[in-house]
Structure formats: structure tokens, C-alpha cells
């Protein structure tokens, strides 16, 4: 059974994962209004203050429904550098998908892999999940590098066809946590 605490704040390895706050809207717009984020994620583009408000509202609704946890990645518990997500699978309560994104100014510091490892530990321990997956396009070499660094391995599952923004056809490979 999945156990999600009312408030989540995780701190380890030089980073703090915390809940998004209303005061983060401008930072969210700065982080997510980026060509790489626009290309590799389903986030709105352009990602302005209006998009940030809608995103934060949706995150709160999904959190309240017990469907998703979206945490800001920070180095000090204050300024967001990115996000890590835990998306529960409605069909199988023991399985969750994870995702992550780091703003351009913060890339290359290992924040995504550390945040993914922390969220993985939280999901397996506190939340009580047993199987954790990532869905990544093969061409997204930065994201596949993060996955490997955090202990995820590419599975033999066939790529999952999906449709991205503006009808872009995607083939998502499945990665599963295998331990560091």
C-alpha cells in the first residue's frame, strides 16, 4: 500500500527536495521556459507565469488525490533548480513512474541524478512501492545518463509509442530501478 506523508521534505547529498510553493512561480517559469525542457517534456511551451500557475494548481490537485508527488530540487531548500516527480500507476499500486528536469543554469552538477536517487529511496522506503520506472526517449542522452547514474537500467520491453506536443511522435524506452 502506498504511503504518502502530508508534507515531504528530503535532504541528503547536498540537495533538498521540497514541495512547490506559490512563491516559486517566477522561478518555475525561468526553469521550464527552456528549449530542452520544451523538447523532452510534456510541459507547456512557452512556460510563462500563467503556465506556472496552471502547473502548480494541477500539481496540488494530483497531490491531494494521491496520484503524484512533484518536488522542487534545491541546493539550499529555497531557490528551485528543477523538479523530480513520482507518478503513481492507477492500474498497479506497487508501481510508479518517475521523472525529472533541471533548469539550464543548474545542469552539469549532478542534481538530477542525486534527486532521482533520493526520490527512489523515498518511493521504495517511505511510500512502500516495489517497482520504479522511467520512460525516456533513446535520443535523450542527458536523461539516459541520469537514469544510469541513479541505478536504473534499460529493460527489454519494446518502446512505447506516444504522441508529444504538436503531434511529435515519441518512442519511449522503459528503464527500471535495479539498485546502484
N, C-alpha and C. Protein backbone atom coordinates (compact mmCIF):
# COMPACT_ATOMS: atom_id res chain seq x y z
N UNK A 1 0.83 -1.18 0.00
CA UNK A 1 0.00 0.00 0.00
C UNK A 1 0.88 1.25 0.00
N UNK A 2 0.57 2.20 -0.85
CA UNK A 2 1.35 3.42 -0.97
C UNK A 2 1.05 4.34 0.21
N UNK A 3 2.14 4.87 0.79
CA UNK A 3 2.02 5.77 1.93
C UNK A 3 2.69 7.09 1.58
N UNK A 4 1.89 8.13 1.40
CA UNK A 4 2.43 9.45 1.10
C UNK A 4 2.18 10.37 2.28
N UNK A 5 3.25 10.86 2.91
CA UNK A 5 3.06 11.79 4.02
C UNK A 5 2.40 13.09 3.56
N UNK A 6 1.78 13.80 4.49
CA UNK A 6 1.11 15.06 4.15
C UNK A 6 2.09 16.08 3.60
N UNK A 7 3.27 16.17 4.16
CA UNK A 7 4.32 17.08 3.69
C UNK A 7 5.59 16.27 3.46
N UNK A 8 6.30 16.60 2.40
CA UNK A 8 7.53 15.88 2.10
C UNK A 8 8.66 16.90 1.96
N UNK A 9 9.74 16.65 2.67
CA UNK A 9 10.97 17.43 2.54
C UNK A 9 12.11 16.44 2.76
N UNK A 10 12.91 16.24 1.75
CA UNK A 10 14.01 15.29 1.80
C UNK A 10 15.32 16.05 1.65
N UNK A 11 16.30 15.70 2.45
CA UNK A 11 17.58 16.39 2.41
C UNK A 11 18.70 15.37 2.50
N UNK A 12 19.61 15.44 1.54
CA UNK A 12 20.72 14.50 1.51
C UNK A 12 21.65 14.88 0.38
N UNK A 13 22.91 14.54 0.52
CA UNK A 13 23.86 14.64 -0.58
C UNK A 13 23.92 16.04 -1.19
N UNK A 14 23.79 17.07 -0.35
CA UNK A 14 23.94 18.44 -0.82
C UNK A 14 22.73 19.04 -1.53
N UNK A 15 21.58 18.37 -1.46
CA UNK A 15 20.37 18.95 -2.05
C UNK A 15 19.18 18.75 -1.11
N UNK A 16 18.17 19.58 -1.34
CA UNK A 16 16.92 19.50 -0.60
C UNK A 16 15.79 19.39 -1.61
N UNK A 17 14.94 18.39 -1.43
CA UNK A 17 13.73 18.25 -2.24
C UNK A 17 12.58 18.72 -1.36
N UNK A 18 11.79 19.64 -1.89
CA UNK A 18 10.69 20.19 -1.10
C UNK A 18 9.48 20.40 -1.99
N UNK A 19 8.34 20.59 -1.34
CA UNK A 19 7.10 20.86 -2.05
C UNK A 19 7.21 22.21 -2.77
N UNK A 20 6.58 22.32 -3.92
CA UNK A 20 6.48 23.61 -4.61
C UNK A 20 5.61 24.55 -3.79
N UNK A 21 5.89 25.85 -3.88
CA UNK A 21 5.14 26.87 -3.15
C UNK A 21 4.69 27.96 -4.12
N UNK A 22 3.68 28.72 -3.72
CA UNK A 22 3.19 29.83 -4.55
C UNK A 22 4.30 30.81 -4.91
N UNK A 23 5.24 31.01 -4.01
CA UNK A 23 6.35 31.94 -4.26
C UNK A 23 7.34 31.45 -5.29
N UNK A 24 7.17 30.23 -5.80
CA UNK A 24 8.09 29.65 -6.78
C UNK A 24 7.69 29.92 -8.22
N UNK A 25 6.57 30.60 -8.45
CA UNK A 25 6.05 30.75 -9.82
C UNK A 25 7.06 31.36 -10.78
N UNK A 26 7.71 32.44 -10.40
CA UNK A 26 8.68 33.09 -11.29
C UNK A 26 9.87 32.16 -11.56
N UNK A 27 10.32 31.46 -10.52
CA UNK A 27 11.44 30.52 -10.69
C UNK A 27 11.03 29.37 -11.61
N UNK A 28 9.79 28.89 -11.47
CA UNK A 28 9.32 27.81 -12.34
C UNK A 28 9.33 28.25 -13.80
N UNK A 29 8.85 29.47 -14.04
CA UNK A 29 8.83 29.98 -15.41
C UNK A 29 10.25 30.06 -15.97
N UNK A 30 11.18 30.51 -15.16
CA UNK A 30 12.58 30.63 -15.60
C UNK A 30 13.19 29.24 -15.88
N UNK A 31 12.89 28.27 -15.02
CA UNK A 31 13.44 26.93 -15.18
C UNK A 31 12.87 26.19 -16.38
N UNK A 32 11.54 26.26 -16.54
CA UNK A 32 10.87 25.41 -17.51
C UNK A 32 10.62 26.06 -18.86
N UNK A 33 10.87 27.35 -19.00
CA UNK A 33 10.76 28.01 -20.30
C UNK A 33 12.12 27.90 -20.99
N UNK A 34 12.41 26.70 -21.46
CA UNK A 34 13.73 26.36 -21.96
C UNK A 34 13.55 25.41 -23.15
N UNK A 35 14.31 25.59 -24.21
CA UNK A 35 14.14 24.72 -25.40
C UNK A 35 14.30 23.23 -25.10
N UNK A 36 15.23 22.86 -24.23
CA UNK A 36 15.43 21.44 -23.91
C UNK A 36 14.23 20.88 -23.14
N UNK A 37 13.73 21.65 -22.20
CA UNK A 37 12.56 21.21 -21.44
C UNK A 37 11.36 21.11 -22.38
N UNK A 38 11.23 22.09 -23.26
CA UNK A 38 10.12 22.07 -24.22
C UNK A 38 10.19 20.83 -25.12
N UNK A 39 11.40 20.45 -25.53
CA UNK A 39 11.55 19.32 -26.44
C UNK A 39 11.31 17.97 -25.75
N UNK A 40 11.87 17.78 -24.57
CA UNK A 40 11.87 16.46 -23.95
C UNK A 40 10.74 16.20 -22.98
N UNK A 41 9.99 17.22 -22.60
CA UNK A 41 8.93 17.02 -21.60
C UNK A 41 7.57 17.46 -22.16
N UNK A 42 6.50 17.05 -21.48
CA UNK A 42 5.17 17.50 -21.91
C UNK A 42 4.78 18.88 -21.36
N UNK A 43 5.69 19.56 -20.71
CA UNK A 43 5.37 20.87 -20.14
C UNK A 43 5.01 21.88 -21.22
N UNK A 44 4.14 22.81 -20.86
CA UNK A 44 3.70 23.86 -21.79
C UNK A 44 4.90 24.66 -22.29
N UNK A 45 4.80 25.11 -23.52
CA UNK A 45 5.84 25.96 -24.09
C UNK A 45 5.17 27.00 -24.98
N UNK A 46 5.38 28.27 -24.72
CA UNK A 46 6.28 28.80 -23.70
C UNK A 46 5.73 28.55 -22.31
N UNK A 47 6.64 28.50 -21.35
CA UNK A 47 6.26 28.27 -19.95
C UNK A 47 6.42 29.60 -19.22
N UNK A 48 5.32 30.35 -19.17
CA UNK A 48 5.33 31.67 -18.56
C UNK A 48 4.66 31.60 -17.19
N UNK A 49 4.41 32.77 -16.58
CA UNK A 49 3.77 32.78 -15.25
C UNK A 49 2.39 32.13 -15.26
N UNK A 50 1.63 32.33 -16.34
CA UNK A 50 0.31 31.69 -16.44
C UNK A 50 0.45 30.17 -16.48
N UNK A 51 1.41 29.68 -17.27
CA UNK A 51 1.65 28.24 -17.33
C UNK A 51 2.12 27.71 -15.97
N UNK A 52 2.94 28.49 -15.27
CA UNK A 52 3.42 28.09 -13.95
C UNK A 52 2.26 27.99 -12.96
N UNK A 53 1.34 28.96 -12.99
CA UNK A 53 0.17 28.92 -12.10
C UNK A 53 -0.67 27.66 -12.37
N UNK A 54 -0.92 27.38 -13.65
CA UNK A 54 -1.71 26.21 -14.02
C UNK A 54 -1.00 24.92 -13.60
N UNK A 55 0.31 24.88 -13.78
CA UNK A 55 1.10 23.70 -13.43
C UNK A 55 1.06 23.47 -11.92
N UNK A 56 1.24 24.54 -11.15
CA UNK A 56 1.22 24.42 -9.69
C UNK A 56 -0.16 23.98 -9.20
N UNK A 57 -1.21 24.51 -9.80
CA UNK A 57 -2.57 24.12 -9.43
C UNK A 57 -2.80 22.64 -9.74
N UNK A 58 -2.39 22.20 -10.91
CA UNK A 58 -2.53 20.79 -11.29
C UNK A 58 -1.72 19.90 -10.35
N UNK A 59 -0.51 20.33 -10.01
CA UNK A 59 0.34 19.54 -9.10
C UNK A 59 -0.35 19.38 -7.74
N UNK A 60 -0.94 20.46 -7.24
CA UNK A 60 -1.63 20.40 -5.94
C UNK A 60 -2.84 19.47 -6.00
N UNK A 61 -3.58 19.52 -7.10
CA UNK A 61 -4.75 18.65 -7.25
C UNK A 61 -4.34 17.18 -7.31
N UNK A 62 -3.30 16.88 -8.08
CA UNK A 62 -2.84 15.50 -8.21
C UNK A 62 -2.23 15.00 -6.90
N UNK A 63 -1.58 15.88 -6.18
CA UNK A 63 -1.02 15.52 -4.87
C UNK A 63 -2.15 15.21 -3.89
N UNK A 64 -3.18 16.07 -3.87
CA UNK A 64 -4.33 15.87 -2.97
C UNK A 64 -5.07 14.58 -3.29
N UNK A 65 -5.09 14.19 -4.55
CA UNK A 65 -5.76 12.96 -4.98
C UNK A 65 -4.89 11.72 -4.75
N UNK A 66 -3.64 11.92 -4.30
CA UNK A 66 -2.74 10.80 -4.05
C UNK A 66 -2.19 10.17 -5.32
N UNK A 67 -2.17 10.94 -6.40
CA UNK A 67 -1.72 10.42 -7.69
C UNK A 67 -0.27 10.76 -8.02
N UNK A 68 0.24 11.85 -7.42
CA UNK A 68 1.54 12.34 -7.87
C UNK A 68 2.19 13.16 -6.76
N UNK A 69 3.52 13.09 -6.73
CA UNK A 69 4.33 13.95 -5.87
C UNK A 69 5.30 14.69 -6.78
N UNK A 70 5.28 16.01 -6.72
CA UNK A 70 6.18 16.84 -7.52
C UNK A 70 6.95 17.73 -6.55
N UNK A 71 8.26 17.54 -6.50
CA UNK A 71 9.10 18.27 -5.57
C UNK A 71 10.11 19.13 -6.30
N UNK A 72 10.32 20.32 -5.77
CA UNK A 72 11.35 21.21 -6.28
C UNK A 72 12.71 20.67 -5.83
N UNK A 73 13.66 20.68 -6.75
CA UNK A 73 15.04 20.33 -6.43
C UNK A 73 15.74 21.64 -6.06
N UNK A 74 16.36 21.69 -4.88
CA UNK A 74 17.08 22.89 -4.46
C UNK A 74 18.42 22.47 -3.86
N UNK A 75 19.33 23.42 -3.77
CA UNK A 75 20.58 23.14 -3.06
C UNK A 75 20.54 23.71 -1.65
N UNK A 76 19.58 24.60 -1.40
CA UNK A 76 19.52 25.28 -0.10
C UNK A 76 18.13 25.23 0.55
N UNK A 77 17.20 24.52 -0.06
CA UNK A 77 15.84 24.48 0.45
C UNK A 77 15.02 25.67 0.01
N UNK A 78 15.61 26.56 -0.75
CA UNK A 78 14.91 27.79 -1.16
C UNK A 78 14.77 27.85 -2.67
N UNK A 79 15.81 28.30 -3.38
CA UNK A 79 15.72 28.55 -4.82
C UNK A 79 15.62 27.24 -5.61
N UNK A 80 14.53 27.06 -6.37
CA UNK A 80 14.39 25.84 -7.18
C UNK A 80 15.41 25.78 -8.32
N UNK A 81 15.94 24.58 -8.52
CA UNK A 81 16.86 24.32 -9.62
C UNK A 81 16.24 23.36 -10.63
N UNK A 82 15.15 22.74 -10.26
CA UNK A 82 14.48 21.77 -11.12
C UNK A 82 13.38 21.07 -10.35
N UNK A 83 12.99 19.91 -10.88
CA UNK A 83 11.88 19.16 -10.29
C UNK A 83 12.13 17.67 -10.44
N UNK A 84 11.64 16.91 -9.46
CA UNK A 84 11.61 15.46 -9.55
C UNK A 84 10.18 15.04 -9.22
N UNK A 85 9.66 14.06 -9.98
CA UNK A 85 8.26 13.65 -9.87
C UNK A 85 8.14 12.16 -9.59
N UNK A 86 7.11 11.82 -8.85
CA UNK A 86 6.71 10.44 -8.60
C UNK A 86 5.25 10.34 -9.02
N UNK A 87 4.99 9.56 -10.07
CA UNK A 87 3.64 9.42 -10.62
C UNK A 87 3.15 8.00 -10.37
N UNK A 88 2.13 7.90 -9.54
CA UNK A 88 1.62 6.58 -9.19
C UNK A 88 0.82 5.98 -10.34
N UNK A 89 0.92 4.67 -10.47
CA UNK A 89 0.26 3.95 -11.53
C UNK A 89 -1.10 3.47 -11.01
N UNK A 90 -2.17 4.01 -11.55
CA UNK A 90 -3.50 3.64 -11.09
C UNK A 90 -3.82 2.17 -11.28
N UNK A 91 -3.24 1.53 -12.29
CA UNK A 91 -3.52 0.12 -12.58
C UNK A 91 -2.81 -0.82 -11.61
N UNK A 92 -1.64 -0.41 -11.11
CA UNK A 92 -0.87 -1.25 -10.21
C UNK A 92 -0.33 -0.38 -9.08
N UNK A 93 -0.87 -0.51 -7.88
CA UNK A 93 -0.48 0.36 -6.79
C UNK A 93 0.96 0.16 -6.30
N UNK A 94 1.63 -0.86 -6.76
CA UNK A 94 3.01 -1.10 -6.36
C UNK A 94 4.03 -0.48 -7.32
N UNK A 95 3.54 0.12 -8.41
CA UNK A 95 4.41 0.63 -9.48
C UNK A 95 4.25 2.13 -9.60
N UNK A 96 5.35 2.82 -9.88
CA UNK A 96 5.30 4.26 -10.13
C UNK A 96 6.31 4.62 -11.22
N UNK A 97 5.98 5.67 -11.96
CA UNK A 97 6.91 6.27 -12.91
C UNK A 97 7.54 7.48 -12.23
N UNK A 98 8.78 7.74 -12.54
CA UNK A 98 9.46 8.92 -12.03
C UNK A 98 9.89 9.78 -13.20
N UNK A 99 10.11 11.04 -12.93
CA UNK A 99 10.60 11.97 -13.94
C UNK A 99 11.39 13.07 -13.28
N UNK A 100 12.11 13.84 -14.08
CA UNK A 100 12.96 14.89 -13.55
C UNK A 100 13.28 15.89 -14.64
N UNK A 101 13.58 17.09 -14.19
CA UNK A 101 14.01 18.15 -15.10
C UNK A 101 14.82 19.15 -14.28
N UNK A 102 15.92 19.61 -14.85
CA UNK A 102 16.77 20.60 -14.18
C UNK A 102 16.94 21.78 -15.12
N UNK A 103 16.83 22.98 -14.57
CA UNK A 103 16.98 24.20 -15.35
C UNK A 103 18.37 24.32 -15.94
N UNK A 104 18.46 25.01 -17.08
CA UNK A 104 19.72 25.13 -17.81
C UNK A 104 20.87 25.65 -16.95
N UNK A 105 20.62 26.63 -16.12
CA UNK A 105 21.68 27.21 -15.28
C UNK A 105 22.21 26.24 -14.24
N UNK A 106 21.48 25.16 -13.98
CA UNK A 106 21.84 24.22 -12.92
C UNK A 106 22.37 22.89 -13.46
N UNK A 107 22.37 22.71 -14.76
CA UNK A 107 22.78 21.42 -15.34
C UNK A 107 24.28 21.19 -15.18
N UNK A 108 24.65 19.92 -15.21
CA UNK A 108 26.06 19.55 -15.13
C UNK A 108 26.61 19.47 -13.71
N UNK A 109 25.74 19.54 -12.72
CA UNK A 109 26.18 19.49 -11.32
C UNK A 109 25.75 18.20 -10.62
N UNK A 110 25.12 17.30 -11.36
CA UNK A 110 24.66 16.04 -10.77
C UNK A 110 23.39 16.16 -9.96
N UNK A 111 22.67 17.28 -10.08
CA UNK A 111 21.46 17.47 -9.29
C UNK A 111 20.36 16.48 -9.67
N UNK A 112 20.18 16.24 -10.96
CA UNK A 112 19.11 15.34 -11.40
C UNK A 112 19.34 13.92 -10.89
N UNK A 113 20.55 13.41 -11.01
CA UNK A 113 20.80 12.03 -10.56
C UNK A 113 20.69 11.92 -9.04
N UNK A 114 21.15 12.93 -8.30
CA UNK A 114 21.02 12.88 -6.84
C UNK A 114 19.54 12.98 -6.44
N UNK A 115 18.79 13.86 -7.11
CA UNK A 115 17.36 14.00 -6.80
C UNK A 115 16.62 12.71 -7.14
N UNK A 116 16.95 12.09 -8.26
CA UNK A 116 16.31 10.84 -8.64
C UNK A 116 16.63 9.73 -7.64
N UNK A 117 17.88 9.66 -7.19
CA UNK A 117 18.23 8.66 -6.16
C UNK A 117 17.44 8.90 -4.87
N UNK A 118 17.31 10.16 -4.47
CA UNK A 118 16.56 10.47 -3.24
C UNK A 118 15.09 10.11 -3.39
N UNK A 119 14.50 10.45 -4.53
CA UNK A 119 13.09 10.12 -4.75
C UNK A 119 12.90 8.61 -4.84
N UNK A 120 13.87 7.92 -5.40
CA UNK A 120 13.83 6.46 -5.49
C UNK A 120 13.83 5.85 -4.09
N UNK A 121 14.72 6.32 -3.23
CA UNK A 121 14.77 5.83 -1.85
C UNK A 121 13.47 6.11 -1.12
N UNK A 122 12.92 7.31 -1.32
CA UNK A 122 11.64 7.67 -0.70
C UNK A 122 10.53 6.73 -1.20
N UNK A 123 10.49 6.49 -2.51
CA UNK A 123 9.43 5.67 -3.10
C UNK A 123 9.49 4.23 -2.61
N UNK A 124 10.68 3.68 -2.52
CA UNK A 124 10.84 2.29 -2.09
C UNK A 124 10.67 2.15 -0.57
N UNK A 125 11.12 3.14 0.18
CA UNK A 125 11.04 3.08 1.63
C UNK A 125 9.75 3.65 2.17
N UNK A 126 9.68 4.94 2.29
CA UNK A 126 8.54 5.62 2.91
C UNK A 126 7.23 5.33 2.20
N UNK A 127 7.23 5.44 0.86
CA UNK A 127 5.98 5.28 0.10
C UNK A 127 5.58 3.81 -0.06
N UNK A 128 6.52 2.89 0.10
CA UNK A 128 6.18 1.47 0.05
C UNK A 128 5.97 0.89 -1.33
N UNK A 129 6.53 1.52 -2.35
CA UNK A 129 6.41 0.99 -3.72
C UNK A 129 7.43 -0.11 -3.95
N UNK A 130 7.17 -0.97 -4.93
CA UNK A 130 8.10 -2.07 -5.18
C UNK A 130 8.76 -2.01 -6.56
N UNK A 131 8.20 -1.26 -7.47
CA UNK A 131 8.75 -1.21 -8.83
C UNK A 131 8.72 0.23 -9.32
N UNK A 132 9.88 0.73 -9.77
CA UNK A 132 10.01 2.11 -10.22
C UNK A 132 10.51 2.15 -11.65
N UNK A 133 9.83 2.95 -12.48
CA UNK A 133 10.13 3.01 -13.90
C UNK A 133 10.39 4.43 -14.36
N UNK A 134 11.16 4.54 -15.41
CA UNK A 134 11.36 5.79 -16.15
C UNK A 134 10.98 5.50 -17.59
N UNK A 135 10.40 6.48 -18.27
CA UNK A 135 10.09 6.35 -19.70
C UNK A 135 10.85 7.48 -20.41
N UNK A 136 11.85 7.10 -21.22
CA UNK A 136 12.78 8.07 -21.80
C UNK A 136 12.97 7.79 -23.29
N UNK A 137 13.01 8.85 -24.09
CA UNK A 137 13.36 8.69 -25.50
C UNK A 137 14.85 8.33 -25.60
N UNK A 138 15.18 7.40 -26.48
CA UNK A 138 16.56 6.94 -26.62
C UNK A 138 17.51 8.09 -26.95
N UNK A 139 17.03 9.07 -27.70
CA UNK A 139 17.87 10.18 -28.12
C UNK A 139 18.15 11.18 -27.00
N UNK A 140 17.46 11.05 -25.90
CA UNK A 140 17.65 11.97 -24.78
C UNK A 140 18.83 11.48 -23.93
N UNK A 141 20.03 11.71 -24.45
CA UNK A 141 21.23 11.17 -23.82
C UNK A 141 21.48 11.74 -22.42
N UNK A 142 21.11 12.98 -22.19
CA UNK A 142 21.28 13.56 -20.85
C UNK A 142 20.42 12.79 -19.84
N UNK A 143 19.18 12.52 -20.21
CA UNK A 143 18.27 11.82 -19.30
C UNK A 143 18.67 10.36 -19.11
N UNK A 144 19.12 9.71 -20.17
CA UNK A 144 19.56 8.32 -20.00
C UNK A 144 20.81 8.25 -19.12
N UNK A 145 21.67 9.27 -19.19
CA UNK A 145 22.83 9.33 -18.31
C UNK A 145 22.43 9.48 -16.85
N UNK A 146 21.42 10.31 -16.60
CA UNK A 146 20.89 10.47 -15.24
C UNK A 146 20.33 9.14 -14.76
N UNK A 147 19.57 8.47 -15.60
CA UNK A 147 18.97 7.18 -15.23
C UNK A 147 20.05 6.18 -14.82
N UNK A 148 21.08 6.05 -15.63
CA UNK A 148 22.17 5.11 -15.32
C UNK A 148 22.85 5.49 -14.00
N UNK A 149 23.13 6.78 -13.83
CA UNK A 149 23.83 7.24 -12.63
C UNK A 149 23.02 6.97 -11.36
N UNK A 150 21.71 6.92 -11.49
CA UNK A 150 20.83 6.70 -10.32
C UNK A 150 20.49 5.22 -10.11
N UNK A 151 21.06 4.32 -10.90
CA UNK A 151 20.82 2.89 -10.68
C UNK A 151 19.71 2.29 -11.50
N UNK A 152 19.24 3.00 -12.52
CA UNK A 152 18.19 2.46 -13.41
C UNK A 152 18.86 1.81 -14.61
N UNK A 153 18.22 0.76 -15.12
CA UNK A 153 18.74 0.03 -16.28
C UNK A 153 17.64 -0.10 -17.33
N UNK A 154 18.05 -0.02 -18.58
CA UNK A 154 17.13 -0.17 -19.70
C UNK A 154 16.58 -1.59 -19.69
N UNK A 155 15.25 -1.72 -19.85
CA UNK A 155 14.61 -3.04 -19.87
C UNK A 155 14.54 -3.56 -21.30
N UNK A 156 14.10 -4.80 -21.44
CA UNK A 156 13.89 -5.40 -22.75
C UNK A 156 12.51 -5.09 -23.32
N UNK A 157 11.71 -4.36 -22.59
CA UNK A 157 10.35 -4.04 -23.05
C UNK A 157 10.42 -3.26 -24.36
N UNK A 158 9.50 -3.54 -25.28
CA UNK A 158 9.51 -2.79 -26.54
C UNK A 158 9.20 -1.31 -26.28
N UNK A 159 9.75 -0.43 -27.11
CA UNK A 159 9.47 1.01 -26.94
C UNK A 159 7.96 1.28 -26.99
N UNK A 160 7.56 2.25 -26.19
CA UNK A 160 6.14 2.62 -26.10
C UNK A 160 5.89 3.80 -27.02
N UNK A 161 5.04 3.63 -28.04
CA UNK A 161 4.73 4.77 -28.89
C UNK A 161 3.83 5.75 -28.14
N UNK A 162 4.11 7.03 -28.31
CA UNK A 162 3.31 8.08 -27.67
C UNK A 162 3.33 9.30 -28.59
N UNK A 163 2.45 10.23 -28.27
CA UNK A 163 2.42 11.47 -29.04
C UNK A 163 2.78 12.63 -28.12
N UNK A 164 3.76 13.41 -28.55
CA UNK A 164 4.18 14.56 -27.78
C UNK A 164 3.47 15.81 -28.25
N UNK A 165 3.99 16.93 -27.84
CA UNK A 165 3.42 18.22 -28.23
C UNK A 165 3.48 18.39 -29.74
N UNK A 166 2.49 19.08 -30.26
CA UNK A 166 2.41 19.39 -31.69
C UNK A 166 2.46 18.12 -32.54
N UNK A 167 1.94 17.01 -32.00
CA UNK A 167 1.86 15.77 -32.76
C UNK A 167 3.19 15.05 -32.94
N UNK A 168 4.24 15.45 -32.21
CA UNK A 168 5.55 14.80 -32.35
C UNK A 168 5.44 13.36 -31.88
N UNK A 169 5.86 12.44 -32.76
CA UNK A 169 5.81 11.02 -32.43
C UNK A 169 6.99 10.66 -31.54
N UNK A 170 6.68 9.94 -30.45
CA UNK A 170 7.70 9.55 -29.49
C UNK A 170 7.77 8.03 -29.41
N UNK A 171 8.95 7.53 -29.14
CA UNK A 171 9.15 6.14 -28.78
C UNK A 171 9.88 6.15 -27.45
N UNK A 172 9.17 5.74 -26.41
CA UNK A 172 9.73 5.81 -25.06
C UNK A 172 10.26 4.46 -24.62
N UNK A 173 11.52 4.44 -24.21
CA UNK A 173 12.11 3.24 -23.69
C UNK A 173 11.83 3.17 -22.19
N UNK A 174 11.67 1.95 -21.68
CA UNK A 174 11.38 1.75 -20.27
C UNK A 174 12.67 1.40 -19.53
N UNK A 175 12.93 2.15 -18.48
CA UNK A 175 14.04 1.92 -17.58
C UNK A 175 13.47 1.51 -16.23
N UNK A 176 14.15 0.59 -15.54
CA UNK A 176 13.66 0.14 -14.24
C UNK A 176 14.79 0.23 -13.22
N UNK A 177 14.40 0.56 -11.99
CA UNK A 177 15.41 0.67 -10.93
C UNK A 177 15.95 -0.71 -10.60
N UNK A 178 17.27 -0.86 -10.66
CA UNK A 178 17.93 -2.12 -10.38
C UNK A 178 18.87 -2.03 -9.18
N UNK A 179 18.95 -0.88 -8.56
CA UNK A 179 19.88 -0.67 -7.46
C UNK A 179 21.16 -0.05 -7.98
N UNK A 180 21.79 0.69 -7.13
CA UNK A 180 23.02 1.41 -7.54
C UNK A 180 24.16 0.45 -7.76
